[in-house]
């Protein structure tokens, strides 16, 4: 089935469905980690969307030190299933081992992208509509604050302009460049 007419559209649909759900699980995990407002409508959406799969998993996998390990396991399992299905459709050999090797680097990249886009959206919103309350903006601040707070201490505003988001965006991009290629090489070397 590797070069069939429906290969790319089917792979695309699988990727979209799985990645959107993984993103919701990741948002729930990050919002829990930063102790975001549980009653925020977006937090409630994440809880309701992920509860059917997380509830049974939490019975088997407890949290450790305030970290929701079940969410991490769920994200890894979903990413492995997604990559396996895509590789099967593409006709690649040993898709399960390849999927296991690629799952962790893919999730780390997604996490870095969540922070990158959260900061970008926050910056753009601060230019367009500063000072207004919105549940989404509140969560963006909660998610990005652990990264921006140390940068703001190091880089004070210059002429009323906060350059700390730019510094954090550059740091995230550098981290992606320096961390992901060796991690992909390492995990691929371990499993294949």
C-alpha atoms as a PDB file:
ATOM      1  CA  UNK A   1       0.000   0.000   0.000  1.00  0.00           C
ATOM      2  CA  UNK A   2       3.121   2.223   0.182  1.00  0.00           C
ATOM      3  CA  UNK A   3       2.661   4.216  -3.018  1.00  0.00           C
ATOM      4  CA  UNK A   4      -1.116   4.097  -3.353  1.00  0.00           C
ATOM      5  CA  UNK A   5      -3.285   7.053  -4.214  1.00  0.00           C
ATOM      6  CA  UNK A   6      -4.754   7.267  -0.701  1.00  0.00           C
ATOM      7  CA  UNK A   7      -1.477   6.881   1.216  1.00  0.00           C
ATOM      8  CA  UNK A   8      -0.766  10.591   1.750  1.00  0.00           C
ATOM      9  CA  UNK A   9      -4.341  11.660   2.579  1.00  0.00           C
ATOM     10  CA  UNK A  10      -4.783   8.741   4.988  1.00  0.00           C
ATOM     11  CA  UNK A  11      -1.440   9.438   6.680  1.00  0.00           C
ATOM     12  CA  UNK A  12      -2.382  13.102   6.929  1.00  0.00           C
ATOM     13  CA  UNK A  13      -5.725  12.315   8.586  1.00  0.00           C
ATOM     14  CA  UNK A  14      -4.118   9.934  11.074  1.00  0.00           C
ATOM     15  CA  UNK A  15      -1.471  12.520  11.893  1.00  0.00           C
ATOM     16  CA  UNK A  16      -4.010  15.325  12.392  1.00  0.00           C
ATOM     17  CA  UNK A  17      -6.345  13.295  14.614  1.00  0.00           C
ATOM     18  CA  UNK A  18      -3.583  11.849  16.787  1.00  0.00           C
ATOM     19  CA  UNK A  19      -1.540  15.057  17.010  1.00  0.00           C
ATOM     20  CA  UNK A  20      -4.555  17.148  18.010  1.00  0.00           C
ATOM     21  CA  UNK A  21      -5.433  14.718  20.786  1.00  0.00           C
ATOM     22  CA  UNK A  22      -1.800  14.453  21.908  1.00  0.00           C
ATOM     23  CA  UNK A  23      -1.694  18.259  22.002  1.00  0.00           C
ATOM     24  CA  UNK A  24      -4.751  18.338  24.277  1.00  0.00           C
ATOM     25  CA  UNK A  25      -3.154  15.748  26.590  1.00  0.00           C
ATOM     26  CA  UNK A  26       0.065  17.781  26.582  1.00  0.00           C
ATOM     27  CA  UNK A  27      -1.809  20.985  27.387  1.00  0.00           C
ATOM     28  CA  UNK A  28      -3.523  19.231  30.287  1.00  0.00           C
ATOM     29  CA  UNK A  29      -0.145  17.985  31.523  1.00  0.00           C
ATOM     30  CA  UNK A  30       1.493  21.428  31.211  1.00  0.00           C
ATOM     31  CA  UNK A  31      -1.458  23.235  32.783  1.00  0.00           C
ATOM     32  CA  UNK A  32      -1.304  20.833  35.733  1.00  0.00           C
ATOM     33  CA  UNK A  33       2.447  21.282  35.985  1.00  0.00           C
ATOM     34  CA  UNK A  34       2.242  25.100  36.157  1.00  0.00           C
ATOM     35  CA  UNK A  35      -0.849  24.922  38.396  1.00  0.00           C
ATOM     36  CA  UNK A  36      -3.070  26.824  35.987  1.00  0.00           C
ATOM     37  CA  UNK A  37      -6.629  27.759  36.898  1.00  0.00           C
ATOM     38  CA  UNK A  38      -8.516  24.459  36.886  1.00  0.00           C
ATOM     39  CA  UNK A  39     -11.844  26.239  36.331  1.00  0.00           C
ATOM     40  CA  UNK A  40     -10.669  28.078  33.219  1.00  0.00           C
ATOM     41  CA  UNK A  41     -12.876  26.947  30.287  1.00  0.00           C
ATOM     42  CA  UNK A  42      -9.849  25.766  28.314  1.00  0.00           C
ATOM     43  CA  UNK A  43      -8.573  23.763  31.289  1.00  0.00           C
ATOM     44  CA  UNK A  44     -12.007  22.206  31.657  1.00  0.00           C
ATOM     45  CA  UNK A  45     -12.041  21.348  27.943  1.00  0.00           C
ATOM     46  CA  UNK A  46      -8.670  19.603  28.273  1.00  0.00           C
ATOM     47  CA  UNK A  47      -9.840  17.682  31.341  1.00  0.00           C
ATOM     48  CA  UNK A  48     -13.067  16.517  29.686  1.00  0.00           C
ATOM     49  CA  UNK A  49     -11.350  15.508  26.446  1.00  0.00           C
ATOM     50  CA  UNK A  50      -8.607  13.496  28.127  1.00  0.00           C
ATOM     51  CA  UNK A  51     -10.478  11.966  31.078  1.00  0.00           C
ATOM     52  CA  UNK A  52     -11.796   8.879  29.205  1.00  0.00           C
ATOM     53  CA  UNK A  53      -8.257   7.661  28.471  1.00  0.00           C
ATOM     54  CA  UNK A  54      -6.461   9.074  31.506  1.00  0.00           C
ATOM     55  CA  UNK A  55      -8.812   7.848  34.229  1.00  0.00           C
ATOM     56  CA  UNK A  56      -8.154   4.123  33.655  1.00  0.00           C
ATOM     57  CA  UNK A  57      -4.454   4.761  33.065  1.00  0.00           C
ATOM     58  CA  UNK A  58      -4.127   6.625  36.368  1.00  0.00           C
ATOM     59  CA  UNK A  59      -5.397   3.570  38.229  1.00  0.00           C
ATOM     60  CA  UNK A  60      -2.328   1.702  36.993  1.00  0.00           C
ATOM     61  CA  UNK A  61       0.232   4.531  36.785  1.00  0.00           C
ATOM     62  CA  UNK A  62       0.337   6.897  39.775  1.00  0.00           C
ATOM     63  CA  UNK A  63       1.752  10.389  39.734  1.00  0.00           C
ATOM     64  CA  UNK A  64       5.253  10.963  41.079  1.00  0.00           C
ATOM     65  CA  UNK A  65       6.158  14.145  42.960  1.00  0.00           C
ATOM     66  CA  UNK A  66       3.226  16.105  41.556  1.00  0.00           C
ATOM     67  CA  UNK A  67       3.985  15.000  37.981  1.00  0.00           C
ATOM     68  CA  UNK A  68       1.170  13.274  36.117  1.00  0.00           C
ATOM     69  CA  UNK A  69       3.113  10.271  34.804  1.00  0.00           C
ATOM     70  CA  UNK A  70      -0.043   8.767  33.275  1.00  0.00           C
ATOM     71  CA  UNK A  71      -0.296  11.751  30.907  1.00  0.00           C
ATOM     72  CA  UNK A  72       3.292  11.251  29.763  1.00  0.00           C
ATOM     73  CA  UNK A  73       2.701   7.531  29.192  1.00  0.00           C
ATOM     74  CA  UNK A  74      -0.524   8.285  27.300  1.00  0.00           C
ATOM     75  CA  UNK A  75       1.247  10.785  25.032  1.00  0.00           C
ATOM     76  CA  UNK A  76       4.030   8.280  24.323  1.00  0.00           C
ATOM     77  CA  UNK A  77       1.567   5.459  23.595  1.00  0.00           C
ATOM     78  CA  UNK A  78      -0.534   7.650  21.298  1.00  0.00           C
ATOM     79  CA  UNK A  79       2.548   8.867  19.432  1.00  0.00           C
ATOM     80  CA  UNK A  80       3.814   5.282  19.026  1.00  0.00           C
ATOM     81  CA  UNK A  81       0.431   4.153  17.655  1.00  0.00           C
ATOM     82  CA  UNK A  82       0.286   7.166  15.315  1.00  0.00           C
ATOM     83  CA  UNK A  83       3.791   6.630  13.946  1.00  0.00           C
ATOM     84  CA  UNK A  84       3.232   2.876  13.602  1.00  0.00           C
ATOM     85  CA  UNK A  85       0.039   3.411  11.597  1.00  0.00           C
ATOM     86  CA  UNK A  86       1.701   5.972   9.336  1.00  0.00           C
ATOM     87  CA  UNK A  87       4.689   3.692   8.736  1.00  0.00           C
ATOM     88  CA  UNK A  88       2.409   0.727   8.007  1.00  0.00           C
ATOM     89  CA  UNK A  89       0.497   2.790   5.457  1.00  0.00           C
ATOM     90  CA  UNK A  90       3.789   3.894   3.897  1.00  0.00           C
ATOM     91  CA  UNK A  91       4.960   0.277   3.750  1.00  0.00           C
ATOM     92  CA  UNK A  92       8.061   0.775   5.901  1.00  0.00           C
ATOM     93  CA  UNK A  93       9.671  -2.219   7.583  1.00  0.00           C
ATOM     94  CA  UNK A  94       9.595  -2.765  11.373  1.00  0.00           C
ATOM     95  CA  UNK A  95       7.254   0.158  12.025  1.00  0.00           C
ATOM     96  CA  UNK A  96       6.837  -0.541  15.750  1.00  0.00           C
ATOM     97  CA  UNK A  97      10.565  -0.272  16.497  1.00  0.00           C
ATOM     98  CA  UNK A  98      10.848   2.854  14.355  1.00  0.00           C
ATOM     99  CA  UNK A  99       7.822   4.361  16.085  1.00  0.00           C
ATOM    100  CA  UNK A 100       9.220   3.638  19.537  1.00  0.00           C
ATOM    101  CA  UNK A 101      12.523   5.234  18.519  1.00  0.00           C
ATOM    102  CA  UNK A 102      10.878   8.381  17.168  1.00  0.00           C
ATOM    103  CA  UNK A 103       8.125   8.894  19.778  1.00  0.00           C
ATOM    104  CA  UNK A 104      10.171  10.611  22.499  1.00  0.00           C
ATOM    105  CA  UNK A 105      11.990  13.085  20.217  1.00  0.00           C
ATOM    106  CA  UNK A 106       8.666  13.896  18.517  1.00  0.00           C
ATOM    107  CA  UNK A 107       7.011  14.636  21.874  1.00  0.00           C
ATOM    108  CA  UNK A 108       9.927  16.779  23.029  1.00  0.00           C
ATOM    109  CA  UNK A 109       9.714  18.729  19.782  1.00  0.00           C
ATOM    110  CA  UNK A 110       5.963  19.178  20.285  1.00  0.00           C
ATOM    111  CA  UNK A 111       6.552  20.440  23.834  1.00  0.00           C
ATOM    112  CA  UNK A 112       9.109  22.971  22.626  1.00  0.00           C
ATOM    113  CA  UNK A 113       6.730  24.038  19.850  1.00  0.00           C
ATOM    114  CA  UNK A 114       3.911  24.535  22.373  1.00  0.00           C
ATOM    115  CA  UNK A 115       6.108  26.948  24.326  1.00  0.00           C
ATOM    116  CA  UNK A 116       7.363  28.623  21.154  1.00  0.00           C
ATOM    117  CA  UNK A 117       3.879  29.256  19.785  1.00  0.00           C
ATOM    118  CA  UNK A 118       2.460  30.208  23.190  1.00  0.00           C
ATOM    119  CA  UNK A 119       5.088  32.940  23.509  1.00  0.00           C
ATOM    120  CA  UNK A 120       4.577  34.102  19.914  1.00  0.00           C
ATOM    121  CA  UNK A 121       0.802  34.292  20.345  1.00  0.00           C
ATOM    122  CA  UNK A 122       1.203  36.087  23.655  1.00  0.00           C
ATOM    123  CA  UNK A 123       3.525  38.675  22.080  1.00  0.00           C
ATOM    124  CA  UNK A 124       1.208  39.266  19.120  1.00  0.00           C
ATOM    125  CA  UNK A 125      -1.815  39.623  21.411  1.00  0.00           C
ATOM    126  CA  UNK A 126       0.076  42.107  23.575  1.00  0.00           C
ATOM    127  CA  UNK A 127       0.545  44.291  20.478  1.00  0.00           C
ATOM    128  CA  UNK A 128      -2.993  43.930  19.143  1.00  0.00           C
ATOM    129  CA  UNK A 129      -5.120  43.991  22.279  1.00  0.00           C
ATOM    130  CA  UNK A 130      -3.035  44.699  25.395  1.00  0.00           C
ATOM    131  CA  UNK A 131      -4.523  44.557  28.857  1.00  0.00           C
ATOM    132  CA  UNK A 132      -7.794  42.790  28.083  1.00  0.00           C
ATOM    133  CA  UNK A 133      -8.850  39.632  29.895  1.00  0.00           C
ATOM    134  CA  UNK A 134      -9.459  36.434  27.996  1.00  0.00           C
ATOM    135  CA  UNK A 135      -9.363  32.875  29.403  1.00  0.00           C
ATOM    136  CA  UNK A 136      -6.938  31.799  26.657  1.00  0.00           C
ATOM    137  CA  UNK A 137      -4.591  34.716  27.281  1.00  0.00           C
ATOM    138  CA  UNK A 138      -4.644  33.966  30.996  1.00  0.00           C
ATOM    139  CA  UNK A 139      -3.522  30.391  30.314  1.00  0.00           C
ATOM    140  CA  UNK A 140      -0.853  31.570  27.862  1.00  0.00           C
ATOM    141  CA  UNK A 141       0.613  33.746  30.611  1.00  0.00           C
ATOM    142  CA  UNK A 142       0.475  30.871  33.084  1.00  0.00           C
ATOM    143  CA  UNK A 143       2.228  28.470  30.682  1.00  0.00           C
ATOM    144  CA  UNK A 144       4.927  30.886  29.532  1.00  0.00           C
ATOM    145  CA  UNK A 145       5.631  32.612  32.853  1.00  0.00           C
ATOM    146  CA  UNK A 146       8.068  29.924  34.118  1.00  0.00           C
ATOM    147  CA  UNK A 147      10.214  30.563  31.019  1.00  0.00           C
ATOM    148  CA  UNK A 148       9.772  34.320  30.733  1.00  0.00           C
ATOM    149  CA  UNK A 149      10.227  35.231  34.413  1.00  0.00           C
ATOM    150  CA  UNK A 150      13.956  34.289  34.562  1.00  0.00           C
ATOM    151  CA  UNK A 151      14.561  35.963  31.197  1.00  0.00           C
ATOM    152  CA  UNK A 152      12.884  39.155  32.442  1.00  0.00           C
ATOM    153  CA  UNK A 153      15.221  39.207  35.428  1.00  0.00           C
ATOM    154  CA  UNK A 154      18.231  39.005  33.095  1.00  0.00           C
ATOM    155  CA  UNK A 155      16.930  41.360  30.384  1.00  0.00           C
ATOM    156  CA  UNK A 156      15.131  44.418  31.715  1.00  0.00           C
ATOM    157  CA  UNK A 157      12.750  46.307  29.386  1.00  0.00           C
ATOM    158  CA  UNK A 158      14.555  48.709  27.062  1.00  0.00           C
ATOM    159  CA  UNK A 159      12.606  51.877  26.307  1.00  0.00           C
ATOM    160  CA  UNK A 160       9.430  50.196  27.554  1.00  0.00           C
ATOM    161  CA  UNK A 161       9.862  47.200  25.244  1.00  0.00           C
ATOM    162  CA  UNK A 162      10.168  43.739  26.790  1.00  0.00           C
ATOM    163  CA  UNK A 163      12.812  41.808  24.850  1.00  0.00           C
ATOM    164  CA  UNK A 164      12.705  38.729  27.084  1.00  0.00           C
ATOM    165  CA  UNK A 165      10.224  36.866  24.838  1.00  0.00           C
ATOM    166  CA  UNK A 166      12.640  37.242  21.924  1.00  0.00           C
ATOM    167  CA  UNK A 167      15.497  35.848  24.023  1.00  0.00           C
ATOM    168  CA  UNK A 168      13.368  32.873  25.119  1.00  0.00           C
ATOM    169  CA  UNK A 169      12.247  32.211  21.528  1.00  0.00           C
ATOM    170  CA  UNK A 170      15.886  32.177  20.389  1.00  0.00           C
ATOM    171  CA  UNK A 171      16.788  29.853  23.295  1.00  0.00           C
ATOM    172  CA  UNK A 172      13.944  27.456  22.429  1.00  0.00           C
ATOM    173  CA  UNK A 173      14.972  27.384  18.774  1.00  0.00           C
ATOM    174  CA  UNK A 174      18.612  26.733  19.738  1.00  0.00           C
ATOM    175  CA  UNK A 175      17.481  23.964  22.094  1.00  0.00           C
ATOM    176  CA  UNK A 176      15.557  22.355  19.246  1.00  0.00           C
ATOM    177  CA  UNK A 177      18.643  22.511  17.016  1.00  0.00           C
ATOM    178  CA  UNK A 178      21.052  21.219  19.655  1.00  0.00           C
ATOM    179  CA  UNK A 179      18.881  18.639  21.455  1.00  0.00           C
ATOM    180  CA  UNK A 180      16.667  16.981  18.870  1.00  0.00           C
ATOM    181  CA  UNK A 181      19.194  15.694  16.271  1.00  0.00           C
ATOM    182  CA  UNK A 182      21.400  13.892  18.840  1.00  0.00           C
ATOM    183  CA  UNK A 183      18.316  12.585  20.653  1.00  0.00           C
ATOM    184  CA  UNK A 184      16.896  11.199  17.404  1.00  0.00           C
ATOM    185  CA  UNK A 185      20.262   9.610  16.599  1.00  0.00           C
ATOM    186  CA  UNK A 186      20.481   8.125  20.101  1.00  0.00           C
ATOM    187  CA  UNK A 187      16.966   6.679  20.177  1.00  0.00           C
ATOM    188  CA  UNK A 188      17.262   5.373  16.647  1.00  0.00           C
ATOM    189  CA  UNK A 189      20.574   3.747  17.592  1.00  0.00           C
ATOM    190  CA  UNK A 190      19.051   2.126  20.677  1.00  0.00           C
ATOM    191  CA  UNK A 191      15.980   0.634  19.029  1.00  0.00           C
ATOM    192  CA  UNK A 192      17.173  -0.145  15.511  1.00  0.00           C
END
